[in-house]
Amino acid sequence: MTRSTAGNDSIDAQFRTIAELAGDIAFSIDLPAQRLRYLSPAFSALLGHDAAALQEAIAGNGRHVARGALGMHLVASAEGALGTRHVQDIDVRNADGHPVGLQVITTVLRNADGSSSLVGLLRDLTAQRTHLADQRRFASMLNHEFRTPLATIDGAVQGLQ
């Protein structure tokens, strides 16, 4: 099946919209130049940094985006094998200095012209981490609530013996 360039642009726009509707941050980086080609607007909304700050981080000048942690991870992912999917959770700091957990999902793809691009998604882990913390807190409370009556019953049984 052959598609026109205009058709590919339309499909690309649709996939970017799908990723953005899901709350994910889609991106594409040209390789080996490591030039940011596309970045979802959700990146600025979540982290308070713009595309230029991410480009600096990718170039190793990451004074903004987590002192380069995100940029270093993306550069390391770009060195992976073609088509290999990489998934890693990292912590970065937003523009206010608050930590934000991100899941970084990347793969290297071959472009039509023979060059390569690193494409991927960044997912905000805040809601997931909050949910897990709530579960741990509930389990701890439940554990405490059962131990107190059990300790009383155990003490009474030992007294009867």
N, C-alpha and C. Protein backbone atom coordinates (compact mmCIF):
# COMPACT_ATOMS: atom_id res chain seq x y z
N MET A 1 0.85 -1.16 0.00
CA MET A 1 0.00 0.00 0.00
C MET A 1 0.90 1.23 0.00
N THR A 2 0.66 2.12 -0.92
CA THR A 2 1.45 3.35 -1.03
C THR A 2 0.60 4.52 -0.58
N ARG A 3 1.23 5.40 0.18
CA ARG A 3 0.52 6.60 0.66
C ARG A 3 1.26 7.82 0.19
N SER A 4 0.52 8.87 -0.03
CA SER A 4 1.15 10.13 -0.41
C SER A 4 1.73 10.79 0.83
N THR A 5 2.62 11.74 0.62
CA THR A 5 3.19 12.48 1.74
C THR A 5 2.11 13.20 2.52
N ALA A 6 1.15 13.78 1.82
CA ALA A 6 0.05 14.47 2.50
C ALA A 6 -0.74 13.49 3.35
N GLY A 7 -0.93 12.27 2.86
CA GLY A 7 -1.63 11.24 3.64
C GLY A 7 -0.85 10.87 4.88
N ASN A 8 0.48 10.77 4.76
CA ASN A 8 1.31 10.45 5.92
C ASN A 8 1.24 11.56 6.96
N ASP A 9 1.24 12.82 6.51
CA ASP A 9 1.15 13.94 7.43
C ASP A 9 -0.16 13.89 8.21
N SER A 10 -1.24 13.50 7.52
CA SER A 10 -2.55 13.40 8.17
C SER A 10 -2.54 12.28 9.20
N ILE A 11 -1.96 11.15 8.86
CA ILE A 11 -1.88 10.02 9.78
C ILE A 11 -1.01 10.38 10.97
N ASP A 12 0.13 11.04 10.73
CA ASP A 12 1.00 11.48 11.82
C ASP A 12 0.24 12.39 12.78
N ALA A 13 -0.52 13.32 12.23
CA ALA A 13 -1.30 14.24 13.06
C ALA A 13 -2.34 13.49 13.88
N GLN A 14 -2.94 12.47 13.28
CA GLN A 14 -3.95 11.68 14.01
C GLN A 14 -3.32 10.93 15.17
N PHE A 15 -2.16 10.32 14.94
CA PHE A 15 -1.50 9.59 16.02
C PHE A 15 -1.02 10.52 17.13
N ARG A 16 -0.54 11.71 16.76
CA ARG A 16 -0.14 12.68 17.79
C ARG A 16 -1.35 13.08 18.62
N THR A 17 -2.49 13.27 17.96
CA THR A 17 -3.71 13.64 18.68
C THR A 17 -4.15 12.53 19.62
N ILE A 18 -4.07 11.28 19.17
CA ILE A 18 -4.43 10.15 20.03
C ILE A 18 -3.55 10.12 21.26
N ALA A 19 -2.25 10.29 21.08
CA ALA A 19 -1.33 10.28 22.22
C ALA A 19 -1.64 11.42 23.18
N GLU A 20 -1.93 12.59 22.64
CA GLU A 20 -2.20 13.75 23.48
C GLU A 20 -3.53 13.62 24.20
N LEU A 21 -4.53 12.99 23.57
CA LEU A 21 -5.81 12.78 24.24
C LEU A 21 -5.65 11.84 25.43
N ALA A 22 -4.72 10.91 25.33
CA ALA A 22 -4.47 9.97 26.42
C ALA A 22 -3.67 10.62 27.55
N GLY A 23 -3.22 11.84 27.34
CA GLY A 23 -2.44 12.53 28.37
C GLY A 23 -0.95 12.27 28.24
N ASP A 24 -0.56 11.49 27.25
CA ASP A 24 0.85 11.19 27.05
C ASP A 24 1.52 12.33 26.29
N ILE A 25 2.81 12.42 26.44
CA ILE A 25 3.60 13.41 25.72
C ILE A 25 4.34 12.68 24.60
N ALA A 26 3.98 12.96 23.37
CA ALA A 26 4.62 12.33 22.23
C ALA A 26 5.81 13.19 21.80
N PHE A 27 6.86 12.50 21.30
CA PHE A 27 8.01 13.24 20.80
C PHE A 27 8.69 12.45 19.69
N SER A 28 9.47 13.17 18.90
CA SER A 28 10.27 12.58 17.85
C SER A 28 11.59 13.34 17.79
N ILE A 29 12.69 12.61 17.72
CA ILE A 29 14.02 13.20 17.68
C ILE A 29 14.77 12.63 16.49
N ASP A 30 15.26 13.50 15.60
CA ASP A 30 16.06 13.06 14.45
C ASP A 30 17.41 12.56 14.93
N LEU A 31 17.85 11.44 14.34
CA LEU A 31 19.16 10.88 14.68
C LEU A 31 20.02 10.91 13.42
N PRO A 32 21.29 10.98 13.50
CA PRO A 32 22.12 11.10 14.69
C PRO A 32 22.28 12.54 15.19
N ALA A 33 21.64 13.49 14.52
CA ALA A 33 21.80 14.91 14.89
C ALA A 33 21.22 15.22 16.27
N GLN A 34 20.35 14.34 16.78
CA GLN A 34 19.71 14.54 18.08
C GLN A 34 18.96 15.87 18.13
N ARG A 35 18.25 16.15 17.05
CA ARG A 35 17.46 17.38 16.96
C ARG A 35 16.00 17.04 17.22
N LEU A 36 15.40 17.74 18.16
CA LEU A 36 14.00 17.54 18.50
C LEU A 36 13.13 17.94 17.31
N ARG A 37 12.36 17.00 16.82
CA ARG A 37 11.52 17.26 15.64
C ARG A 37 10.09 17.58 16.03
N TYR A 38 9.57 16.88 17.04
CA TYR A 38 8.20 17.12 17.50
C TYR A 38 8.14 16.90 19.00
N LEU A 39 7.36 17.74 19.68
CA LEU A 39 7.11 17.58 21.11
C LEU A 39 5.70 18.05 21.39
N SER A 40 4.91 17.20 22.04
CA SER A 40 3.53 17.55 22.37
C SER A 40 3.48 18.79 23.26
N PRO A 41 2.46 19.60 23.10
CA PRO A 41 2.28 20.76 23.98
C PRO A 41 2.09 20.34 25.45
N ALA A 42 1.68 19.10 25.69
CA ALA A 42 1.49 18.61 27.05
C ALA A 42 2.79 18.63 27.85
N PHE A 43 3.94 18.62 27.17
CA PHE A 43 5.23 18.66 27.86
C PHE A 43 5.34 19.94 28.69
N SER A 44 5.01 21.07 28.07
CA SER A 44 5.07 22.36 28.78
C SER A 44 4.03 22.42 29.89
N ALA A 45 2.85 21.85 29.62
CA ALA A 45 1.79 21.87 30.63
C ALA A 45 2.18 21.06 31.86
N LEU A 46 2.83 19.91 31.66
CA LEU A 46 3.20 19.04 32.78
C LEU A 46 4.44 19.52 33.51
N LEU A 47 5.47 19.87 32.77
CA LEU A 47 6.76 20.18 33.40
C LEU A 47 7.09 21.66 33.48
N GLY A 48 6.37 22.49 32.75
CA GLY A 48 6.65 23.92 32.79
C GLY A 48 7.87 24.33 32.00
N HIS A 49 8.43 23.42 31.23
CA HIS A 49 9.58 23.70 30.36
C HIS A 49 9.10 23.71 28.92
N ASP A 50 9.82 24.40 28.06
CA ASP A 50 9.46 24.41 26.65
C ASP A 50 10.35 23.44 25.87
N ALA A 51 10.09 23.34 24.57
CA ALA A 51 10.84 22.43 23.72
C ALA A 51 12.33 22.78 23.69
N ALA A 52 12.66 24.07 23.78
CA ALA A 52 14.07 24.49 23.77
C ALA A 52 14.82 23.92 24.98
N ALA A 53 14.15 23.86 26.13
CA ALA A 53 14.78 23.30 27.33
C ALA A 53 15.06 21.81 27.16
N LEU A 54 14.12 21.09 26.53
CA LEU A 54 14.35 19.67 26.28
C LEU A 54 15.48 19.49 25.27
N GLN A 55 15.53 20.34 24.24
CA GLN A 55 16.61 20.24 23.26
C GLN A 55 17.96 20.47 23.94
N GLU A 56 18.02 21.41 24.88
CA GLU A 56 19.25 21.64 25.64
C GLU A 56 19.63 20.40 26.44
N ALA A 57 18.63 19.76 27.06
CA ALA A 57 18.89 18.55 27.85
C ALA A 57 19.41 17.43 26.97
N ILE A 58 18.86 17.28 25.78
CA ILE A 58 19.31 16.25 24.84
C ILE A 58 20.75 16.53 24.42
N ALA A 59 21.08 17.81 24.26
CA ALA A 59 22.44 18.20 23.86
C ALA A 59 23.44 18.11 25.02
N GLY A 60 22.94 17.81 26.22
CA GLY A 60 23.84 17.68 27.38
C GLY A 60 23.96 18.95 28.20
N ASN A 61 23.18 19.96 27.87
CA ASN A 61 23.19 21.21 28.62
C ASN A 61 21.95 21.28 29.51
N GLY A 62 21.64 20.18 30.18
CA GLY A 62 20.37 20.07 30.89
C GLY A 62 20.27 20.81 32.19
N ARG A 63 20.51 22.09 32.17
CA ARG A 63 20.38 22.84 33.41
C ARG A 63 18.92 23.03 33.79
N HIS A 64 18.01 22.82 32.84
CA HIS A 64 16.59 23.00 33.12
C HIS A 64 15.89 21.68 33.41
N VAL A 65 15.86 20.81 32.45
CA VAL A 65 15.07 19.59 32.56
C VAL A 65 15.85 18.54 33.33
N ALA A 66 15.65 18.54 34.64
CA ALA A 66 16.23 17.53 35.54
C ALA A 66 17.74 17.40 35.38
N ARG A 67 18.40 18.52 35.16
CA ARG A 67 19.84 18.52 35.01
C ARG A 67 20.31 17.49 33.98
N GLY A 68 19.48 17.29 32.96
CA GLY A 68 19.87 16.41 31.87
C GLY A 68 19.45 14.96 32.02
N ALA A 69 18.82 14.57 33.14
CA ALA A 69 18.45 13.16 33.33
C ALA A 69 17.56 12.66 32.21
N LEU A 70 16.57 13.45 31.82
CA LEU A 70 15.69 13.05 30.74
C LEU A 70 16.46 13.05 29.43
N GLY A 71 17.25 14.07 29.19
CA GLY A 71 18.04 14.14 27.96
C GLY A 71 19.01 12.98 27.85
N MET A 72 19.70 12.65 28.95
CA MET A 72 20.66 11.55 28.94
C MET A 72 19.95 10.23 28.65
N HIS A 73 18.75 10.06 29.23
CA HIS A 73 18.01 8.83 28.98
C HIS A 73 17.62 8.73 27.51
N LEU A 74 17.17 9.84 26.93
CA LEU A 74 16.77 9.82 25.53
C LEU A 74 17.96 9.53 24.62
N VAL A 75 19.09 10.12 24.92
CA VAL A 75 20.30 9.89 24.12
C VAL A 75 20.71 8.42 24.23
N ALA A 76 20.66 7.85 25.43
CA ALA A 76 21.01 6.44 25.61
C ALA A 76 20.04 5.54 24.86
N SER A 77 18.77 5.89 24.86
CA SER A 77 17.76 5.10 24.13
C SER A 77 18.02 5.14 22.64
N ALA A 78 18.52 6.27 22.15
CA ALA A 78 18.78 6.43 20.72
C ALA A 78 19.88 5.49 20.25
N GLU A 79 20.71 5.00 21.15
CA GLU A 79 21.80 4.11 20.78
C GLU A 79 21.34 2.66 20.70
N GLY A 80 20.06 2.41 21.02
CA GLY A 80 19.54 1.05 20.99
C GLY A 80 19.33 0.55 19.57
N ALA A 81 19.03 -0.73 19.48
CA ALA A 81 18.80 -1.36 18.19
C ALA A 81 17.51 -0.86 17.56
N LEU A 82 17.50 -0.85 16.26
CA LEU A 82 16.35 -0.40 15.49
C LEU A 82 15.12 -1.24 15.87
N GLY A 83 14.03 -0.56 16.22
CA GLY A 83 12.78 -1.23 16.54
C GLY A 83 12.67 -1.79 17.95
N THR A 84 13.73 -1.71 18.74
CA THR A 84 13.69 -2.22 20.10
C THR A 84 12.99 -1.22 21.00
N ARG A 85 12.03 -1.70 21.76
CA ARG A 85 11.27 -0.84 22.67
C ARG A 85 11.96 -0.78 24.02
N HIS A 86 12.15 0.44 24.53
CA HIS A 86 12.75 0.65 25.85
C HIS A 86 11.71 1.32 26.73
N VAL A 87 11.57 0.83 27.95
CA VAL A 87 10.65 1.41 28.92
C VAL A 87 11.42 1.59 30.22
N GLN A 88 11.37 2.81 30.76
CA GLN A 88 12.06 3.08 32.02
C GLN A 88 11.31 4.18 32.76
N ASP A 89 11.26 4.05 34.08
CA ASP A 89 10.68 5.09 34.92
C ASP A 89 11.82 5.96 35.43
N ILE A 90 11.65 7.28 35.29
CA ILE A 90 12.65 8.22 35.79
C ILE A 90 11.94 9.34 36.54
N ASP A 91 12.69 10.05 37.35
CA ASP A 91 12.17 11.22 38.05
C ASP A 91 12.88 12.45 37.51
N VAL A 92 12.08 13.46 37.20
CA VAL A 92 12.61 14.75 36.74
C VAL A 92 12.00 15.83 37.62
N ARG A 93 12.52 17.02 37.51
CA ARG A 93 11.96 18.14 38.26
C ARG A 93 11.27 19.08 37.28
N ASN A 94 10.09 19.56 37.70
CA ASN A 94 9.40 20.52 36.84
C ASN A 94 10.03 21.90 37.03
N ALA A 95 9.49 22.90 36.38
CA ALA A 95 10.06 24.25 36.43
C ALA A 95 10.06 24.83 37.84
N ASP A 96 9.14 24.35 38.70
CA ASP A 96 9.07 24.82 40.09
C ASP A 96 9.99 24.03 41.01
N GLY A 97 10.67 23.02 40.47
CA GLY A 97 11.59 22.22 41.27
C GLY A 97 10.96 21.01 41.92
N HIS A 98 9.68 20.76 41.68
CA HIS A 98 9.00 19.61 42.27
C HIS A 98 9.27 18.35 41.44
N PRO A 99 9.47 17.21 42.10
CA PRO A 99 9.72 15.98 41.35
C PRO A 99 8.47 15.49 40.63
N VAL A 100 8.69 14.98 39.44
CA VAL A 100 7.61 14.39 38.63
C VAL A 100 8.12 13.06 38.12
N GLY A 101 7.39 11.99 38.39
CA GLY A 101 7.75 10.67 37.87
C GLY A 101 7.25 10.52 36.45
N LEU A 102 8.12 10.06 35.58
CA LEU A 102 7.75 9.84 34.18
C LEU A 102 8.11 8.42 33.77
N GLN A 103 7.24 7.81 32.99
CA GLN A 103 7.59 6.57 32.32
C GLN A 103 7.99 6.97 30.91
N VAL A 104 9.18 6.58 30.51
CA VAL A 104 9.71 6.93 29.18
C VAL A 104 9.67 5.67 28.33
N ILE A 105 8.91 5.73 27.22
CA ILE A 105 8.79 4.60 26.30
C ILE A 105 9.35 5.07 24.96
N THR A 106 10.39 4.39 24.47
CA THR A 106 11.05 4.84 23.25
C THR A 106 11.34 3.67 22.32
N THR A 107 11.50 4.00 21.05
CA THR A 107 11.98 3.05 20.05
C THR A 107 12.65 3.85 18.92
N VAL A 108 13.60 3.23 18.27
CA VAL A 108 14.28 3.85 17.13
C VAL A 108 13.63 3.30 15.86
N LEU A 109 13.20 4.21 14.99
CA LEU A 109 12.56 3.83 13.74
C LEU A 109 13.37 4.34 12.55
N ARG A 110 13.29 3.61 11.44
CA ARG A 110 13.94 4.02 10.20
C ARG A 110 12.95 4.89 9.43
N ASN A 111 13.40 6.06 8.99
CA ASN A 111 12.57 6.96 8.19
C ASN A 111 12.59 6.53 6.73
N ALA A 112 11.67 7.07 5.93
CA ALA A 112 11.58 6.74 4.51
C ALA A 112 12.86 7.09 3.75
N ASP A 113 13.58 8.14 4.20
CA ASP A 113 14.80 8.56 3.51
C ASP A 113 16.04 7.80 3.98
N GLY A 114 15.86 6.80 4.84
CA GLY A 114 16.99 6.00 5.32
C GLY A 114 17.58 6.47 6.63
N SER A 115 17.23 7.68 7.08
CA SER A 115 17.72 8.17 8.37
C SER A 115 16.89 7.51 9.49
N SER A 116 17.27 7.79 10.72
CA SER A 116 16.56 7.21 11.87
C SER A 116 15.99 8.31 12.75
N SER A 117 14.98 7.94 13.51
CA SER A 117 14.39 8.84 14.50
C SER A 117 14.11 8.07 15.77
N LEU A 118 14.28 8.73 16.89
CA LEU A 118 13.86 8.19 18.18
C LEU A 118 12.47 8.74 18.43
N VAL A 119 11.49 7.86 18.57
CA VAL A 119 10.13 8.29 18.84
C VAL A 119 9.68 7.68 20.15
N GLY A 120 8.76 8.36 20.82
CA GLY A 120 8.30 7.80 22.07
C GLY A 120 7.24 8.62 22.76
N LEU A 121 6.96 8.15 23.96
CA LEU A 121 5.95 8.77 24.82
C LEU A 121 6.53 8.98 26.21
N LEU A 122 6.08 10.03 26.85
CA LEU A 122 6.36 10.27 28.25
C LEU A 122 5.01 10.20 28.97
N ARG A 123 4.92 9.37 29.99
CA ARG A 123 3.68 9.24 30.75
C ARG A 123 3.90 9.71 32.18
N ASP A 124 2.98 10.54 32.65
CA ASP A 124 3.02 11.06 34.00
C ASP A 124 2.63 9.94 34.97
N LEU A 125 3.50 9.64 35.93
CA LEU A 125 3.25 8.57 36.89
C LEU A 125 2.66 9.07 38.21
N THR A 126 2.33 10.36 38.29
CA THR A 126 1.85 10.94 39.53
C THR A 126 0.62 10.22 40.06
N ALA A 127 -0.40 10.03 39.22
CA ALA A 127 -1.64 9.38 39.67
C ALA A 127 -1.38 7.95 40.10
N GLN A 128 -0.57 7.22 39.35
CA GLN A 128 -0.26 5.84 39.69
C GLN A 128 0.49 5.76 41.02
N ARG A 129 1.46 6.63 41.21
CA ARG A 129 2.22 6.62 42.47
C ARG A 129 1.35 7.03 43.65
N THR A 130 0.45 7.97 43.45
CA THR A 130 -0.48 8.38 44.52
C THR A 130 -1.38 7.21 44.89
N HIS A 131 -1.88 6.49 43.89
CA HIS A 131 -2.74 5.34 44.14
C HIS A 131 -1.99 4.26 44.94
N LEU A 132 -0.76 3.97 44.57
CA LEU A 132 0.03 2.97 45.29
C LEU A 132 0.30 3.40 46.73
N ALA A 133 0.57 4.68 46.94
CA ALA A 133 0.79 5.18 48.30
C ALA A 133 -0.48 5.05 49.13
N ASP A 134 -1.63 5.34 48.52
CA ASP A 134 -2.92 5.18 49.22
C ASP A 134 -3.15 3.72 49.58
N GLN A 135 -2.81 2.80 48.69
CA GLN A 135 -2.97 1.38 48.97
C GLN A 135 -2.08 0.95 50.14
N ARG A 136 -0.84 1.41 50.15
CA ARG A 136 0.08 1.07 51.25
C ARG A 136 -0.42 1.62 52.57
N ARG A 137 -0.93 2.86 52.54
CA ARG A 137 -1.45 3.48 53.75
C ARG A 137 -2.67 2.71 54.26
N PHE A 138 -3.56 2.28 53.37
CA PHE A 138 -4.73 1.52 53.75
C PHE A 138 -4.33 0.16 54.34
N ALA A 139 -3.38 -0.52 53.69
CA ALA A 139 -2.92 -1.82 54.20
C ALA A 139 -2.30 -1.67 55.58
N SER A 140 -1.55 -0.61 55.79
CA SER A 140 -0.94 -0.36 57.10
C SER A 140 -2.01 -0.12 58.16
N MET A 141 -3.02 0.69 57.81
CA MET A 141 -4.10 0.97 58.76
C MET A 141 -4.87 -0.30 59.07
N LEU A 142 -5.16 -1.11 58.05
CA LEU A 142 -5.89 -2.35 58.23
C LEU A 142 -5.10 -3.31 59.11
N ASN A 143 -3.81 -3.39 58.89
CA ASN A 143 -2.93 -4.22 59.69
C ASN A 143 -2.99 -3.80 61.16
N HIS A 144 -2.94 -2.51 61.41
CA HIS A 144 -3.00 -2.00 62.78
C HIS A 144 -4.35 -2.30 63.43
N GLU A 145 -5.42 -2.10 62.68
CA GLU A 145 -6.77 -2.32 63.22
C GLU A 145 -7.02 -3.78 63.57
N PHE A 146 -6.42 -4.71 62.84
CA PHE A 146 -6.59 -6.13 63.17
C PHE A 146 -5.66 -6.57 64.29
N ARG A 147 -4.48 -6.01 64.36
CA ARG A 147 -3.52 -6.43 65.39
C ARG A 147 -3.99 -6.09 66.79
N THR A 148 -4.61 -4.94 66.99
CA THR A 148 -5.03 -4.53 68.32
C THR A 148 -6.05 -5.51 68.91
N PRO A 149 -7.15 -5.83 68.21
CA PRO A 149 -8.09 -6.80 68.79
C PRO A 149 -7.48 -8.20 68.92
N LEU A 150 -6.63 -8.59 67.96
CA LEU A 150 -6.01 -9.91 68.05
C LEU A 150 -5.07 -10.00 69.25
N ALA A 151 -4.37 -8.93 69.53
CA ALA A 151 -3.48 -8.91 70.69
C ALA A 151 -4.31 -9.03 71.97
N THR A 152 -5.47 -8.38 72.04
CA THR A 152 -6.35 -8.48 73.21
C THR A 152 -6.86 -9.90 73.37
N ILE A 153 -7.31 -10.51 72.28
CA ILE A 153 -7.82 -11.89 72.33
C ILE A 153 -6.70 -12.83 72.71
N ASP A 154 -5.50 -12.64 72.14
CA ASP A 154 -4.36 -13.48 72.47
C ASP A 154 -4.01 -13.39 73.95
N GLY A 155 -4.05 -12.17 74.48
CA GLY A 155 -3.76 -11.98 75.91
C GLY A 155 -4.81 -12.67 76.78
N ALA A 156 -6.08 -12.59 76.39
CA ALA A 156 -7.13 -13.25 77.17
C ALA A 156 -7.00 -14.76 77.12
N VAL A 157 -6.64 -15.32 75.96
CA VAL A 157 -6.46 -16.77 75.83
C VAL A 157 -5.30 -17.23 76.68
N GLN A 158 -4.21 -16.48 76.67
CA GLN A 158 -3.05 -16.86 77.49
C GLN A 158 -3.39 -16.78 78.98
N GLY A 159 -4.23 -15.80 79.35
CA GLY A 159 -4.66 -15.70 80.75
C GLY A 159 -5.52 -16.87 81.17
N LEU A 160 -6.33 -17.40 80.28
CA LEU A 160 -7.17 -18.55 80.58
C LEU A 160 -6.36 -19.83 80.71
N GLN A 161 -5.25 -19.90 79.98
CA GLN A 161 -4.43 -21.11 80.05
C GLN A 161 -3.74 -21.14 81.38
